[in-house]
Amino acid sequence: MVDWRHGIALLFVTAFLLPMIKDAIQVWDQAEKEHDENCNPLLTGGIVDAELCSELENDSSAKFRTFSILSLAALLSAISGLALILPSGDGRYSHPPPGLR
């Protein structure tokens, strides 16, 4: 049976992931800035290297995926941990919604 200790462990996992998310978003932001500096025609004076832009775009996409996966993992572990910690009720005090009686 799953108990509150598993919930606390999942919350610790979430706390462990938060600094990793912060670092991942900074890395992704830096990749986006580098892409803009090299591929935005307004910033480069109209000269754009298509091959370099493609590489920078692929790099930025990979860093975004890393950030997204970490964020999703933290969200799921936080929700699961809270669901395991918070009381679920034993039915004595629960009432069905109106219209379902």
PDB file of N, CA and C in Angstrom:
ATOM      1  N   MET A   1       0.840  -1.188   0.000  1.00  0.00           N
ATOM      2  CA  MET A   1       0.000   0.000   0.000  1.00  0.00           C
ATOM      3  C   MET A   1       0.881   1.246   0.000  1.00  0.00           C
ATOM      4  N   VAL A   2       0.493   2.235  -0.795  1.00  0.00           N
ATOM      5  CA  VAL A   2       1.220   3.492  -0.870  1.00  0.00           C
ATOM      6  C   VAL A   2       0.787   4.353   0.314  1.00  0.00           C
ATOM      7  N   ASP A   3       1.759   4.943   0.978  1.00  0.00           N
ATOM      8  CA  ASP A   3       1.423   5.768   2.130  1.00  0.00           C
ATOM      9  C   ASP A   3       2.062   7.144   2.012  1.00  0.00           C
ATOM     10  N   TRP A   4       1.967   7.920   3.066  1.00  0.00           N
ATOM     11  CA  TRP A   4       2.429   9.302   3.044  1.00  0.00           C
ATOM     12  C   TRP A   4       3.933   9.413   2.842  1.00  0.00           C
ATOM     13  N   ARG A   5       4.703   8.390   3.181  1.00  0.00           N
ATOM     14  CA  ARG A   5       6.162   8.456   2.989  1.00  0.00           C
ATOM     15  C   ARG A   5       6.519   8.542   1.508  1.00  0.00           C
ATOM     16  N   HIS A   6       5.749   7.859   0.682  1.00  0.00           N
ATOM     17  CA  HIS A   6       5.989   7.959  -0.764  1.00  0.00           C
ATOM     18  C   HIS A   6       5.675   9.381  -1.256  1.00  0.00           C
ATOM     19  N   GLY A   7       4.652   9.980  -0.693  1.00  0.00           N
ATOM     20  CA  GLY A   7       4.301  11.352  -1.052  1.00  0.00           C
ATOM     21  C   GLY A   7       5.403  12.333  -0.694  1.00  0.00           C
ATOM     22  N   ILE A   8       5.976  12.165   0.485  1.00  0.00           N
ATOM     23  CA  ILE A   8       7.071  13.040   0.898  1.00  0.00           C
ATOM     24  C   ILE A   8       8.292  12.812   0.007  1.00  0.00           C
ATOM     25  N   ALA A   9       8.556  11.569  -0.351  1.00  0.00           N
ATOM     26  CA  ALA A   9       9.674  11.280  -1.253  1.00  0.00           C
ATOM     27  C   ALA A   9       9.470  11.966  -2.602  1.00  0.00           C
ATOM     28  N   LEU A  10       8.246  11.956  -3.103  1.00  0.00           N
ATOM     29  CA  LEU A  10       7.974  12.631  -4.380  1.00  0.00           C
ATOM     30  C   LEU A  10       8.141  14.143  -4.258  1.00  0.00           C
ATOM     31  N   LEU A  11       7.800  14.699  -3.114  1.00  0.00           N
ATOM     32  CA  LEU A  11       8.002  16.137  -2.914  1.00  0.00           C
ATOM     33  C   LEU A  11       9.494  16.470  -2.834  1.00  0.00           C
ATOM     34  N   PHE A  12      10.295  15.563  -2.275  1.00  0.00           N
ATOM     35  CA  PHE A  12      11.739  15.766  -2.272  1.00  0.00           C
ATOM     36  C   PHE A  12      12.293  15.700  -3.697  1.00  0.00           C
ATOM     37  N   VAL A  13      11.747  14.810  -4.503  1.00  0.00           N
ATOM     38  CA  VAL A  13      12.150  14.741  -5.911  1.00  0.00           C
ATOM     39  C   VAL A  13      11.842  16.070  -6.602  1.00  0.00           C
ATOM     40  N   THR A  14      10.670  16.630  -6.312  1.00  0.00           N
ATOM     41  CA  THR A  14      10.293  17.918  -6.881  1.00  0.00           C
ATOM     42  C   THR A  14      11.271  19.001  -6.456  1.00  0.00           C
ATOM     43  N   ALA A  15      11.613  19.024  -5.170  1.00  0.00           N
ATOM     44  CA  ALA A  15      12.564  20.018  -4.670  1.00  0.00           C
ATOM     45  C   ALA A  15      13.935  19.843  -5.323  1.00  0.00           C
ATOM     46  N   PHE A  16      14.312  18.607  -5.615  1.00  0.00           N
ATOM     47  CA  PHE A  16      15.578  18.339  -6.279  1.00  0.00           C
ATOM     48  C   PHE A  16      15.539  18.823  -7.735  1.00  0.00           C
ATOM     49  N   LEU A  17      14.387  18.735  -8.378  1.00  0.00           N
ATOM     50  CA  LEU A  17      14.265  19.125  -9.782  1.00  0.00           C
ATOM     51  C   LEU A  17      14.201  20.641  -9.990  1.00  0.00           C
ATOM     52  N   LEU A  18      13.757  21.391  -8.994  1.00  0.00           N
ATOM     53  CA  LEU A  18      13.575  22.835  -9.172  1.00  0.00           C
ATOM     54  C   LEU A  18      14.852  23.572  -9.568  1.00  0.00           C
ATOM     55  N   PRO A  19      16.008  23.335  -8.911  1.00  0.00           N
ATOM     56  CA  PRO A  19      17.216  24.019  -9.382  1.00  0.00           C
ATOM     57  C   PRO A  19      17.638  23.578 -10.783  1.00  0.00           C
ATOM     58  N   MET A  20      17.349  22.328 -11.115  1.00  0.00           N
ATOM     59  CA  MET A  20      17.674  21.850 -12.457  1.00  0.00           C
ATOM     60  C   MET A  20      16.815  22.563 -13.499  1.00  0.00           C
ATOM     61  N   ILE A  21      15.567  22.834 -13.159  1.00  0.00           N
ATOM     62  CA  ILE A  21      14.675  23.564 -14.068  1.00  0.00           C
ATOM     63  C   ILE A  21      15.184  24.984 -14.254  1.00  0.00           C
ATOM     64  N   LYS A  22      15.608  25.604 -13.167  1.00  0.00           N
ATOM     65  CA  LYS A  22      16.131  26.976 -13.235  1.00  0.00           C
ATOM     66  C   LYS A  22      17.344  27.031 -14.165  1.00  0.00           C
ATOM     67  N   ASP A  23      18.245  26.092 -14.025  1.00  0.00           N
ATOM     68  CA  ASP A  23      19.424  26.059 -14.892  1.00  0.00           C
ATOM     69  C   ASP A  23      19.036  25.787 -16.346  1.00  0.00           C
ATOM     70  N   ALA A  24      18.091  24.871 -16.552  1.00  0.00           N
ATOM     71  CA  ALA A  24      17.674  24.522 -17.911  1.00  0.00           C
ATOM     72  C   ALA A  24      17.022  25.699 -18.615  1.00  0.00           C
ATOM     73  N   ILE A  25      16.233  26.496 -17.894  1.00  0.00           N
ATOM     74  CA  ILE A  25      15.583  27.639 -18.546  1.00  0.00           C
ATOM     75  C   ILE A  25      16.608  28.716 -18.872  1.00  0.00           C
ATOM     76  N   GLN A  26      17.638  28.860 -18.041  1.00  0.00           N
ATOM     77  CA  GLN A  26      18.684  29.835 -18.346  1.00  0.00           C
ATOM     78  C   GLN A  26      19.489  29.405 -19.572  1.00  0.00           C
ATOM     79  N   VAL A  27      19.788  28.119 -19.678  1.00  0.00           N
ATOM     80  CA  VAL A  27      20.522  27.597 -20.840  1.00  0.00           C
ATOM     81  C   VAL A  27      19.686  27.770 -22.101  1.00  0.00           C
ATOM     82  N   TRP A  28      18.395  27.476 -22.005  1.00  0.00           N
ATOM     83  CA  TRP A  28      17.514  27.641 -23.167  1.00  0.00           C
ATOM     84  C   TRP A  28      17.412  29.109 -23.564  1.00  0.00           C
ATOM     85  N   ASP A  29      17.299  30.001 -22.574  1.00  0.00           N
ATOM     86  CA  ASP A  29      17.207  31.431 -22.859  1.00  0.00           C
ATOM     87  C   ASP A  29      18.476  31.915 -23.559  1.00  0.00           C
ATOM     88  N   GLN A  30      19.623  31.445 -23.110  1.00  0.00           N
ATOM     89  CA  GLN A  30      20.887  31.833 -23.742  1.00  0.00           C
ATOM     90  C   GLN A  30      20.939  31.328 -25.191  1.00  0.00           C
ATOM     91  N   ALA A  31      20.456  30.122 -25.430  1.00  0.00           N
ATOM     92  CA  ALA A  31      20.425  29.584 -26.794  1.00  0.00           C
ATOM     93  C   ALA A  31      19.493  30.406 -27.681  1.00  0.00           C
ATOM     94  N   GLU A  32      18.360  30.833 -27.132  1.00  0.00           N
ATOM     95  CA  GLU A  32      17.428  31.679 -27.893  1.00  0.00           C
ATOM     96  C   GLU A  32      18.060  33.022 -28.230  1.00  0.00           C
ATOM     97  N   LYS A  33      18.776  33.604 -27.270  1.00  0.00           N
ATOM     98  CA  LYS A  33      19.443  34.892 -27.527  1.00  0.00           C
ATOM     99  C   LYS A  33      20.502  34.748 -28.604  1.00  0.00           C
ATOM    100  N   GLU A  34      21.275  33.656 -28.539  1.00  0.00           N
ATOM    101  CA  GLU A  34      22.306  33.418 -29.543  1.00  0.00           C
ATOM    102  C   GLU A  34      21.682  33.238 -30.926  1.00  0.00           C
ATOM    103  N   HIS A  35      20.547  32.534 -30.975  1.00  0.00           N
ATOM    104  CA  HIS A  35      19.839  32.365 -32.255  1.00  0.00           C
ATOM    105  C   HIS A  35      19.377  33.714 -32.788  1.00  0.00           C
ATOM    106  N   ASP A  36      18.800  34.538 -31.932  1.00  0.00           N
ATOM    107  CA  ASP A  36      18.331  35.855 -32.368  1.00  0.00           C
ATOM    108  C   ASP A  36      19.487  36.733 -32.846  1.00  0.00           C
ATOM    109  N   GLU A  37      20.602  36.703 -32.118  1.00  0.00           N
ATOM    110  CA  GLU A  37      21.747  37.538 -32.491  1.00  0.00           C
ATOM    111  C   GLU A  37      22.322  37.153 -33.847  1.00  0.00           C
ATOM    112  N   ASN A  38      22.247  35.881 -34.200  1.00  0.00           N
ATOM    113  CA  ASN A  38      22.849  35.418 -35.454  1.00  0.00           C
ATOM    114  C   ASN A  38      21.858  35.261 -36.596  1.00  0.00           C
ATOM    115  N   CYS A  39      20.568  35.180 -36.297  1.00  0.00           N
ATOM    116  CA  CYS A  39      19.596  34.842 -37.347  1.00  0.00           C
ATOM    117  C   CYS A  39      18.505  35.889 -37.567  1.00  0.00           C
ATOM    118  N   ASN A  40      18.444  36.894 -36.749  1.00  0.00           N
ATOM    119  CA  ASN A  40      17.447  37.944 -36.939  1.00  0.00           C
ATOM    120  C   ASN A  40      18.021  38.953 -37.935  1.00  0.00           C
ATOM    121  N   PRO A  41      17.400  39.085 -39.106  1.00  0.00           N
ATOM    122  CA  PRO A  41      17.932  39.993 -40.128  1.00  0.00           C
ATOM    123  C   PRO A  41      18.028  41.446 -39.652  1.00  0.00           C
ATOM    124  N   LEU A  42      17.180  41.840 -38.729  1.00  0.00           N
ATOM    125  CA  LEU A  42      17.248  43.214 -38.226  1.00  0.00           C
ATOM    126  C   LEU A  42      18.476  43.431 -37.352  1.00  0.00           C
ATOM    127  N   LEU A  43      18.941  42.384 -36.685  1.00  0.00           N
ATOM    128  CA  LEU A  43      20.114  42.507 -35.816  1.00  0.00           C
ATOM    129  C   LEU A  43      21.422  42.231 -36.549  1.00  0.00           C
ATOM    130  N   THR A  44      21.355  41.451 -37.624  1.00  0.00           N
ATOM    131  CA  THR A  44      22.576  41.080 -38.348  1.00  0.00           C
ATOM    132  C   THR A  44      22.833  41.973 -39.553  1.00  0.00           C
ATOM    133  N   GLY A  45      21.979  42.901 -39.809  1.00  0.00           N
ATOM    134  CA  GLY A  45      22.161  43.770 -40.972  1.00  0.00           C
ATOM    135  C   GLY A  45      21.743  43.107 -42.265  1.00  0.00           C
ATOM    136  N   GLY A  46      20.886  42.107 -42.187  1.00  0.00           N
ATOM    137  CA  GLY A  46      20.366  41.440 -43.368  1.00  0.00           C
ATOM    138  C   GLY A  46      21.185  40.246 -43.815  1.00  0.00           C
ATOM    139  N   ILE A  47      22.339  40.012 -43.203  1.00  0.00           N
ATOM    140  CA  ILE A  47      23.183  38.878 -43.582  1.00  0.00           C
ATOM    141  C   ILE A  47      22.929  37.742 -42.600  1.00  0.00           C
ATOM    142  N   VAL A  48      22.418  36.613 -43.127  1.00  0.00           N
ATOM    143  CA  VAL A  48      22.075  35.469 -42.282  1.00  0.00           C
ATOM    144  C   VAL A  48      22.675  34.209 -42.890  1.00  0.00           C
ATOM    145  N   ASP A  49      23.390  33.452 -42.067  1.00  0.00           N
ATOM    146  CA  ASP A  49      23.961  32.178 -42.493  1.00  0.00           C
ATOM    147  C   ASP A  49      22.916  31.089 -42.208  1.00  0.00           C
ATOM    148  N   ALA A  50      22.338  30.535 -43.258  1.00  0.00           N
ATOM    149  CA  ALA A  50      21.245  29.568 -43.107  1.00  0.00           C
ATOM    150  C   ALA A  50      21.685  28.310 -42.369  1.00  0.00           C
ATOM    151  N   GLU A  51      22.899  27.832 -42.644  1.00  0.00           N
ATOM    152  CA  GLU A  51      23.387  26.616 -41.984  1.00  0.00           C
ATOM    153  C   GLU A  51      23.586  26.846 -40.484  1.00  0.00           C
ATOM    154  N   LEU A  52      24.176  27.976 -40.129  1.00  0.00           N
ATOM    155  CA  LEU A  52      24.375  28.312 -38.716  1.00  0.00           C
ATOM    156  C   LEU A  52      23.028  28.481 -38.015  1.00  0.00           C
ATOM    157  N   CYS A  53      22.087  29.123 -38.671  1.00  0.00           N
ATOM    158  CA  CYS A  53      20.752  29.323 -38.085  1.00  0.00           C
ATOM    159  C   CYS A  53      20.050  27.989 -37.850  1.00  0.00           C
ATOM    160  N   SER A  54      20.212  27.068 -38.776  1.00  0.00           N
ATOM    161  CA  SER A  54      19.606  25.755 -38.605  1.00  0.00           C
ATOM    162  C   SER A  54      20.202  25.032 -37.404  1.00  0.00           C
ATOM    163  N   GLU A  55      21.524  25.095 -37.270  1.00  0.00           N
ATOM    164  CA  GLU A  55      22.182  24.467 -36.114  1.00  0.00           C
ATOM    165  C   GLU A  55      21.739  25.114 -34.802  1.00  0.00           C
ATOM    166  N   LEU A  56      21.675  26.448 -34.791  1.00  0.00           N
ATOM    167  CA  LEU A  56      21.267  27.159 -33.580  1.00  0.00           C
ATOM    168  C   LEU A  56      19.809  26.862 -33.223  1.00  0.00           C
ATOM    169  N   GLU A  57      18.974  26.732 -34.238  1.00  0.00           N
ATOM    170  CA  GLU A  57      17.575  26.418 -33.991  1.00  0.00           C
ATOM    171  C   GLU A  57      17.417  25.002 -33.424  1.00  0.00           C
ATOM    172  N   ASN A  58      18.173  24.055 -33.966  1.00  0.00           N
ATOM    173  CA  ASN A  58      18.140  22.682 -33.451  1.00  0.00           C
ATOM    174  C   ASN A  58      18.648  22.625 -32.013  1.00  0.00           C
ATOM    175  N   ASP A  59      19.698  23.376 -31.728  1.00  0.00           N
ATOM    176  CA  ASP A  59      20.251  23.428 -30.373  1.00  0.00           C
ATOM    177  C   ASP A  59      19.237  24.026 -29.402  1.00  0.00           C
ATOM    178  N   SER A  60      18.597  25.095 -29.820  1.00  0.00           N
ATOM    179  CA  SER A  60      17.590  25.738 -28.974  1.00  0.00           C
ATOM    180  C   SER A  60      16.405  24.811 -28.735  1.00  0.00           C
ATOM    181  N   SER A  61      15.995  24.087 -29.757  1.00  0.00           N
ATOM    182  CA  SER A  61      14.877  23.143 -29.614  1.00  0.00           C
ATOM    183  C   SER A  61      15.220  22.022 -28.638  1.00  0.00           C
ATOM    184  N   ALA A  62      16.449  21.519 -28.711  1.00  0.00           N
ATOM    185  CA  ALA A  62      16.877  20.461 -27.791  1.00  0.00           C
ATOM    186  C   ALA A  62      16.889  20.965 -26.350  1.00  0.00           C
ATOM    187  N   LYS A  63      17.325  22.183 -26.165  1.00  0.00           N
ATOM    188  CA  LYS A  63      17.367  22.753 -24.812  1.00  0.00           C
ATOM    189  C   LYS A  63      15.955  23.027 -24.295  1.00  0.00           C
ATOM    190  N   PHE A  64      15.053  23.402 -25.196  1.00  0.00           N
ATOM    191  CA  PHE A  64      13.656  23.576 -24.785  1.00  0.00           C
ATOM    192  C   PHE A  64      13.040  22.244 -24.376  1.00  0.00           C
ATOM    193  N   ARG A  65      13.334  21.181 -25.111  1.00  0.00           N
ATOM    194  CA  ARG A  65      12.813  19.857 -24.741  1.00  0.00           C
ATOM    195  C   ARG A  65      13.313  19.434 -23.364  1.00  0.00           C
ATOM    196  N   THR A  66      14.579  19.694 -23.082  1.00  0.00           N
ATOM    197  CA  THR A  66      15.130  19.368 -21.765  1.00  0.00           C
ATOM    198  C   THR A  66      14.375  20.120 -20.676  1.00  0.00           C
ATOM    199  N   PHE A  67      14.179  21.418 -20.884  1.00  0.00           N
ATOM    200  CA  PHE A  67      13.431  22.229 -19.925  1.00  0.00           C
ATOM    201  C   PHE A  67      12.001  21.708 -19.757  1.00  0.00           C
ATOM    202  N   SER A  68      11.357  21.364 -20.857  1.00  0.00           N
ATOM    203  CA  SER A  68       9.971  20.888 -20.808  1.00  0.00           C
ATOM    204  C   SER A  68       9.851  19.569 -20.061  1.00  0.00           C
ATOM    205  N   ILE A  69      10.768  18.661 -20.309  1.00  0.00           N
ATOM    206  CA  ILE A  69      10.727  17.353 -19.642  1.00  0.00           C
ATOM    207  C   ILE A  69      10.957  17.514 -18.146  1.00  0.00           C
ATOM    208  N   LEU A  70      11.918  18.344 -17.761  1.00  0.00           N
ATOM    209  CA  LEU A  70      12.167  18.582 -16.338  1.00  0.00           C
ATOM    210  C   LEU A  70      10.955  19.228 -15.669  1.00  0.00           C
ATOM    211  N   SER A  71      10.345  20.187 -16.349  1.00  0.00           N
ATOM    212  CA  SER A  71       9.169  20.867 -15.786  1.00  0.00           C
ATOM    213  C   SER A  71       8.002  19.898 -15.621  1.00  0.00           C
ATOM    214  N   LEU A  72       7.779  19.063 -16.614  1.00  0.00           N
ATOM    215  CA  LEU A  72       6.693  18.091 -16.542  1.00  0.00           C
ATOM    216  C   LEU A  72       6.947  17.086 -15.422  1.00  0.00           C
ATOM    217  N   ALA A  73       8.183  16.632 -15.298  1.00  0.00           N
ATOM    218  CA  ALA A  73       8.520  15.678 -14.234  1.00  0.00           C
ATOM    219  C   ALA A  73       8.300  16.299 -12.854  1.00  0.00           C
ATOM    220  N   ALA A  74       8.692  17.551 -12.694  1.00  0.00           N
ATOM    221  CA  ALA A  74       8.500  18.222 -11.404  1.00  0.00           C
ATOM    222  C   ALA A  74       7.018  18.414 -11.111  1.00  0.00           C
ATOM    223  N   LEU A  75       6.255  18.797 -12.113  1.00  0.00           N
ATOM    224  CA  LEU A  75       4.821  18.995 -11.920  1.00  0.00           C
ATOM    225  C   LEU A  75       4.124  17.696 -11.539  1.00  0.00           C
ATOM    226  N   LEU A  76       4.427  16.635 -12.260  1.00  0.00           N
ATOM    227  CA  LEU A  76       3.797  15.344 -11.965  1.00  0.00           C
ATOM    228  C   LEU A  76       4.202  14.811 -10.590  1.00  0.00           C
ATOM    229  N   SER A  77       5.476  14.959 -10.223  1.00  0.00           N
ATOM    230  CA  SER A  77       5.898  14.466  -8.910  1.00  0.00           C
ATOM    231  C   SER A  77       5.292  15.313  -7.797  1.00  0.00           C
ATOM    232  N   ALA A  78       5.141  16.607  -8.008  1.00  0.00           N
ATOM    233  CA  ALA A  78       4.531  17.462  -6.986  1.00  0.00           C
ATOM    234  C   ALA A  78       3.055  17.120  -6.795  1.00  0.00           C
ATOM    235  N   ILE A  79       2.329  16.973  -7.882  1.00  0.00           N
ATOM    236  CA  ILE A  79       0.908  16.650  -7.784  1.00  0.00           C
ATOM    237  C   ILE A  79       0.716  15.268  -7.167  1.00  0.00           C
ATOM    238  N   SER A  80       1.520  14.310  -7.601  1.00  0.00           N
ATOM    239  CA  SER A  80       1.407  12.958  -7.050  1.00  0.00           C
ATOM    240  C   SER A  80       1.760  12.937  -5.572  1.00  0.00           C
ATOM    241  N   GLY A  81       2.807  13.654  -5.207  1.00  0.00           N
ATOM    242  CA  GLY A  81       3.202  13.713  -3.801  1.00  0.00           C
ATOM    243  C   GLY A  81       2.137  14.334  -2.928  1.00  0.00           C
ATOM    244  N   LEU A  82       1.550  15.427  -3.392  1.00  0.00           N
ATOM    245  CA  LEU A  82       0.479  16.062  -2.619  1.00  0.00           C
ATOM    246  C   LEU A  82      -0.757  15.173  -2.533  1.00  0.00           C
ATOM    247  N   ALA A  83      -1.055  14.478  -3.604  1.00  0.00           N
ATOM    248  CA  ALA A  83      -2.213  13.577  -3.592  1.00  0.00           C
ATOM    249  C   ALA A  83      -2.019  12.454  -2.579  1.00  0.00           C
ATOM    250  N   LEU A  84      -0.784  12.014  -2.392  1.00  0.00           N
ATOM    251  CA  LEU A  84      -0.519  10.943  -1.432  1.00  0.00           C
ATOM    252  C   LEU A  84      -0.485  11.453   0.011  1.00  0.00           C
ATOM    253  N   ILE A  85      -0.126  12.707   0.185  1.00  0.00           N
ATOM    254  CA  ILE A  85      -0.014  13.258   1.539  1.00  0.00           C
ATOM    255  C   ILE A  85      -1.363  13.739   2.065  1.00  0.00           C
ATOM    256  N   LEU A  86      -2.111  14.425   1.230  1.00  0.00           N
ATOM    257  CA  LEU A  86      -3.378  14.999   1.681  1.00  0.00           C
ATOM    258  C   LEU A  86      -4.397  13.894   1.946  1.00  0.00           C
ATOM    259  N   PRO A  87      -5.239  14.104   2.951  1.00  0.00           N
ATOM    260  CA  PRO A  87      -6.232  13.071   3.266  1.00  0.00           C
ATOM    261  C   PRO A  87      -7.236  12.913   2.130  1.00  0.00           C
ATOM    262  N   SER A  88      -7.645  11.672   1.901  1.00  0.00           N
ATOM    263  CA  SER A  88      -8.580  11.408   0.813  1.00  0.00           C
ATOM    264  C   SER A  88     -10.012  11.295   1.308  1.00  0.00           C
ATOM    265  N   GLY A  89     -10.210  11.221   2.593  1.00  0.00           N
ATOM    266  CA  GLY A  89     -11.553  11.078   3.147  1.00  0.00           C
ATOM    267  C   GLY A  89     -11.952   9.621   3.205  1.00  0.00           C
ATOM    268  N   ASP A  90     -12.799   9.300   4.148  1.00  0.00           N
ATOM    269  CA  ASP A  90     -13.208   7.907   4.322  1.00  0.00           C
ATOM    270  C   ASP A  90     -14.665   7.684   3.947  1.00  0.00           C
ATOM    271  N   GLY A  91     -15.306   8.704   3.421  1.00  0.00           N
ATOM    272  CA  GLY A  91     -16.683   8.535   2.977  1.00  0.00           C
ATOM    273  C   GLY A  91     -17.719   8.969   4.001  1.00  0.00           C
ATOM    274  N   ARG A  92     -17.332   9.087   5.261  1.00  0.00           N
ATOM    275  CA  ARG A  92     -18.320   9.463   6.284  1.00  0.00           C
ATOM    276  C   ARG A  92     -18.809  10.886   6.095  1.00  0.00           C
ATOM    277  N   TYR A  93     -17.899  11.763   5.652  1.00  0.00           N
ATOM    278  CA  TYR A  93     -18.265  13.166   5.543  1.00  0.00           C
ATOM    279  C   TYR A  93     -18.434  13.618   4.103  1.00  0.00           C
ATOM    280  N   SER A  94     -18.290  12.729   3.182  1.00  0.00           N
ATOM    281  CA  SER A  94     -18.429  13.130   1.781  1.00  0.00           C
ATOM    282  C   SER A  94     -19.905  13.079   1.377  1.00  0.00           C
ATOM    283  N   HIS A  95     -20.285  14.018   0.586  1.00  0.00           N
ATOM    284  CA  HIS A  95     -21.648  14.103   0.085  1.00  0.00           C
ATOM    285  C   HIS A  95     -21.601  14.128  -1.431  1.00  0.00           C
ATOM    286  N   PRO A  96     -22.510  13.436  -2.081  1.00  0.00           N
ATOM    287  CA  PRO A  96     -22.517  13.498  -3.549  1.00  0.00           C
ATOM    288  C   PRO A  96     -22.951  14.890  -4.000  1.00  0.00           C
ATOM    289  N   PRO A  97     -22.530  15.286  -5.182  1.00  0.00           N
ATOM    290  CA  PRO A  97     -22.945  16.593  -5.696  1.00  0.00           C
ATOM    291  C   PRO A  97     -24.448  16.646  -5.890  1.00  0.00           C
ATOM    292  N   PRO A  98     -25.013  17.850  -5.864  1.00  0.00           N
ATOM    293  CA  PRO A  98     -26.463  17.988  -6.064  1.00  0.00           C
ATOM    294  C   PRO A  98     -26.880  17.384  -7.395  1.00  0.00           C
ATOM    295  N   GLY A  99     -28.006  16.733  -7.399  1.00  0.00           N
ATOM    296  CA  GLY A  99     -28.543  16.138  -8.622  1.00  0.00           C
ATOM    297  C   GLY A  99     -28.183  14.666  -8.769  1.00  0.00           C
ATOM    298  N   LEU A 100     -27.285  14.168  -7.956  1.00  0.00           N
ATOM    299  CA  LEU A 100     -26.884  12.775  -8.059  1.00  0.00           C
ATOM    300  C   LEU A 100     -27.387  11.938  -6.868  1.00  0.00           C
ATOM    301  N   ARG A 101     -28.314  12.469  -6.124  1.00  0.00           N
ATOM    302  CA  ARG A 101     -28.804  11.748  -4.929  1.00  0.00           C
ATOM    303  C   ARG A 101     -29.845  10.751  -5.298  1.00  0.00           C
TER     304      ARG A 101
END
